[in-house]
Protein backbone atom coordinates (compact mmCIF):
# COMPACT_ATOMS: atom_id res chain seq x y z
CA MET A 1 62.00 128.13 110.59
CA SER A 2 63.86 128.74 107.34
CA SER A 3 64.04 132.13 105.65
CA PHE A 4 63.16 130.66 102.23
CA PHE A 5 60.16 128.73 100.88
CA ALA A 6 60.39 125.21 99.47
CA HIS A 7 57.24 123.44 98.32
CA GLU A 8 56.62 120.15 100.14
CA SER A 9 57.16 118.21 96.88
CA SER A 10 60.63 119.68 96.36
CA TYR A 11 63.78 118.08 97.73
CA ILE A 12 66.83 119.89 99.10
CA ASP A 13 70.01 117.90 99.75
CA ASP A 14 72.39 118.47 102.65
CA ASN A 15 75.13 121.10 102.35
CA VAL A 16 73.00 123.59 100.40
CA THR A 17 72.84 127.33 101.12
CA ILE A 18 69.66 129.19 100.14
CA GLY A 19 69.17 132.93 100.65
CA GLU A 20 66.21 134.59 102.30
CA ASN A 21 62.96 135.12 100.39
CA THR A 22 63.91 132.55 97.75
CA LYS A 23 61.06 130.34 96.54
CA ILE A 24 61.45 126.78 95.26
CA TRP A 25 58.28 125.35 93.73
CA HIS A 26 56.82 121.90 92.94
CA PHE A 27 58.96 118.86 92.13
CA SER A 28 62.30 120.68 92.19
CA HIS A 29 65.58 119.23 93.50
CA ILE A 30 68.52 121.25 94.82
CA LEU A 31 71.65 119.07 94.98
CA SER A 32 74.50 119.24 97.48
CA HIS A 33 77.12 121.98 97.64
CA THR A 34 74.88 124.42 95.76
CA THR A 35 74.59 128.06 96.79
CA ILE A 36 71.49 130.07 95.87
CA GLY A 37 71.19 133.78 96.67
CA LYS A 38 68.30 135.71 98.13
CA ASN A 39 65.06 136.72 96.37
CA CYS A 40 65.31 133.98 93.74
CA SER A 41 62.45 131.98 92.26
CA PHE A 42 62.58 128.44 90.88
CA GLY A 43 59.51 127.19 88.99
CA GLN A 44 58.33 123.62 89.03
CA ASN A 45 60.49 120.71 87.92
CA CYS A 46 63.91 122.37 88.28
CA VAL A 47 67.14 120.56 89.11
CA VAL A 48 70.06 122.63 90.39
CA GLY A 49 73.54 121.29 91.09
CA PRO A 50 75.56 119.81 92.46
CA LYS A 51 78.16 122.53 93.07
CA VAL A 52 76.28 125.33 91.33
CA LYS A 53 76.35 128.99 92.34
CA VAL A 54 73.26 131.15 91.70
CA GLY A 55 73.28 134.87 92.54
CA ASN A 56 70.56 137.09 94.01
CA GLY A 57 67.29 137.94 92.29
CA VAL A 58 67.54 135.13 89.72
CA LYS A 59 64.29 133.93 88.08
CA VAL A 60 64.33 130.30 86.90
CA GLN A 61 61.16 129.27 85.08
CA ASN A 62 59.71 125.71 84.84
CA ASN A 63 61.60 122.65 83.57
CA ILE A 64 65.21 123.84 83.84
CA SER A 65 68.28 121.86 84.90
CA ILE A 66 71.31 123.87 86.00
CA TYR A 67 74.28 121.52 85.93
CA GLU A 68 77.66 121.54 87.62
CA GLY A 69 79.91 123.98 85.74
CA VAL A 70 77.23 126.67 85.41
CA GLU A 71 77.57 129.91 87.37
CA ILE A 72 74.79 132.51 87.39
CA GLU A 73 75.29 136.08 88.56
CA ASP A 74 72.60 138.39 90.00
CA ASP A 75 69.29 139.29 88.31
CA VAL A 76 69.45 136.68 85.53
CA PHE A 77 66.23 135.42 83.89
CA LEU A 78 66.00 131.85 82.55
CA GLY A 79 62.93 131.23 80.36
CA PRO A 80 60.85 128.04 80.51
CA SER A 81 62.55 124.83 79.37
CA MET A 82 65.83 126.49 78.36
CA VAL A 83 68.77 124.07 78.39
CA PHE A 84 72.36 124.07 79.65
CA THR A 85 74.97 121.52 78.64
CA ASN A 86 78.19 120.81 80.54
CA VAL A 87 80.21 118.46 78.30
CA ILE A 88 81.16 119.14 74.66
CA ASN A 89 81.16 115.53 73.49
CA PRO A 90 78.99 113.40 75.82
CA ARG A 91 78.80 109.62 75.59
CA ALA A 92 76.60 107.49 77.85
CA PHE A 93 79.38 104.91 78.18
CA ILE A 94 82.27 107.34 78.96
CA ALA A 95 82.51 109.19 82.30
CA ARG A 96 83.51 112.81 81.58
CA LYS A 97 82.80 114.54 84.90
CA ASP A 98 86.38 115.82 84.92
CA GLU A 99 85.72 117.56 81.58
CA PHE A 100 82.83 119.83 82.62
CA LYS A 101 83.16 123.22 80.93
CA LYS A 102 82.41 126.44 82.82
CA THR A 103 79.43 128.43 81.62
CA LEU A 104 78.97 131.94 83.05
CA LEU A 105 75.82 134.05 82.89
CA LYS A 106 76.67 137.64 83.78
CA LYS A 107 74.49 140.08 85.71
CA GLY A 108 71.08 140.87 84.30
CA CYS A 109 71.15 138.71 81.17
CA SER A 110 67.99 136.96 79.95
CA ILE A 111 67.66 133.61 78.20
CA GLY A 112 64.43 132.96 76.27
CA ALA A 113 62.21 129.88 76.42
CA ASN A 114 63.64 126.70 74.86
CA ALA A 115 67.04 128.28 74.14
CA THR A 116 70.14 126.08 74.46
CA ILE A 117 73.39 127.32 75.99
CA VAL A 118 76.29 125.10 74.92
CA CYS A 119 78.87 124.73 77.69
CA GLY A 120 82.00 126.82 77.89
CA VAL A 121 80.48 130.18 76.95
CA THR A 122 79.98 133.48 78.76
CA ILE A 123 76.77 135.43 78.29
CA GLY A 124 77.55 139.13 78.86
CA GLU A 125 75.80 141.57 81.18
CA TYR A 126 72.22 142.41 80.16
CA ALA A 127 72.45 140.38 76.94
CA LEU A 128 69.19 138.92 75.67
CA VAL A 129 69.05 135.49 74.01
CA GLY A 130 65.83 134.93 72.05
CA SER A 131 63.56 131.93 72.45
CA GLY A 132 64.82 128.79 70.73
CA ALA A 133 68.31 130.18 70.02
CA VAL A 134 71.38 127.95 70.31
CA VAL A 135 74.34 129.81 71.81
CA ASN A 136 77.68 128.16 71.03
CA LYS A 137 80.05 131.11 71.51
CA ASP A 138 80.51 134.01 73.93
CA VAL A 139 77.88 136.76 73.87
CA LYS A 140 78.83 140.43 74.26
CA PRO A 141 77.21 142.54 77.00
CA TYR A 142 73.87 144.06 75.85
CA ALA A 143 73.83 141.88 72.69
CA LEU A 144 70.53 140.67 71.20
CA MET A 145 71.00 137.09 69.97
CA VAL A 146 68.61 134.93 67.92
CA GLY A 147 68.69 131.85 65.69
CA VAL A 148 70.45 128.52 65.29
CA PRO A 149 73.32 129.00 65.78
CA ALA A 150 72.67 132.29 67.59
CA LYS A 151 73.74 135.45 65.77
CA GLN A 152 73.73 139.00 67.05
CA ILE A 153 71.02 141.11 65.42
CA GLY A 154 71.23 144.21 67.60
CA TRP A 155 71.62 145.62 71.07
CA VAL A 156 69.34 145.91 74.12
CA GLY A 157 69.46 148.14 77.18
CA VAL A 158 69.13 147.22 80.85
CA SER A 159 65.35 147.39 80.33
CA GLY A 160 65.52 144.68 77.65
CA ASN A 161 64.29 147.07 74.95
CA THR A 162 66.06 147.24 71.59
CA LEU A 163 68.49 150.16 71.28
CA GLN A 164 68.56 152.36 68.14
CA PHE A 165 71.78 154.37 67.85
CA ASN A 166 72.15 157.79 66.16
CA GLU A 167 74.99 158.83 63.84
CA ASP A 168 77.20 159.51 66.90
CA ASN A 169 76.61 155.93 68.09
CA GLU A 170 74.65 157.14 71.13
CA THR A 171 71.10 156.48 72.33
CA TYR A 172 68.76 156.62 75.29
CA ASP A 173 66.70 153.68 76.51
CA SER A 174 63.06 154.00 77.55
CA ASP A 175 64.18 154.12 81.19
CA GLY A 176 66.39 157.19 80.55
CA ARG A 177 69.75 155.41 80.55
CA LYS A 178 72.25 156.63 77.96
CA TYR A 179 74.38 154.22 75.92
CA ALA A 180 77.14 154.44 73.33
CA ILE A 181 78.91 151.96 71.09
CA ILE A 182 82.61 152.13 71.93
CA ASP A 183 85.11 149.77 70.30
CA GLY A 184 82.31 147.53 69.04
CA ARG A 185 80.62 147.14 72.42
CA VAL A 186 77.73 148.90 74.11
CA LYS A 187 78.62 150.88 77.21
CA GLU A 188 76.24 152.60 79.60
CA LEU A 189 77.29 156.22 80.02
């Protein structure tokens, strides 16, 4: 008996590692040489891999494809129907599998519904990308990003709430964590 749940309509290839208490729901496909951590959740109609690494505690909502070249750290949230790319200049008639760009989602970041993450970027720790945004460059940790192309409009804390800084560039989040802006970046104190 496996230590994870996979709905009977899902398909899991050989050479896949899935951590305990992970749930894979309807019509999903996990491709070979993919590693998924523990306590993850994949909604219906997800495709993951091949050769993808997903950390622990990751929440993947419905209708998401996570392609080769994407790496996801712990506690990341992916909103419904958000999109990853893995080639900068795709053509149906040119094979470019050797040109996949690495995309890295750092611990605790959240990507809103229908957002697009263009390959080759890093989304920083606890950053929040708004629904429908198109990210085409690296995102700083704790940054709040919206629009097409995505622009930073503020900062968020670990809780996901917007941070308001005082004249000393310090603030507290609703969960009691203290933050400061140091050298143009938010740091938890």
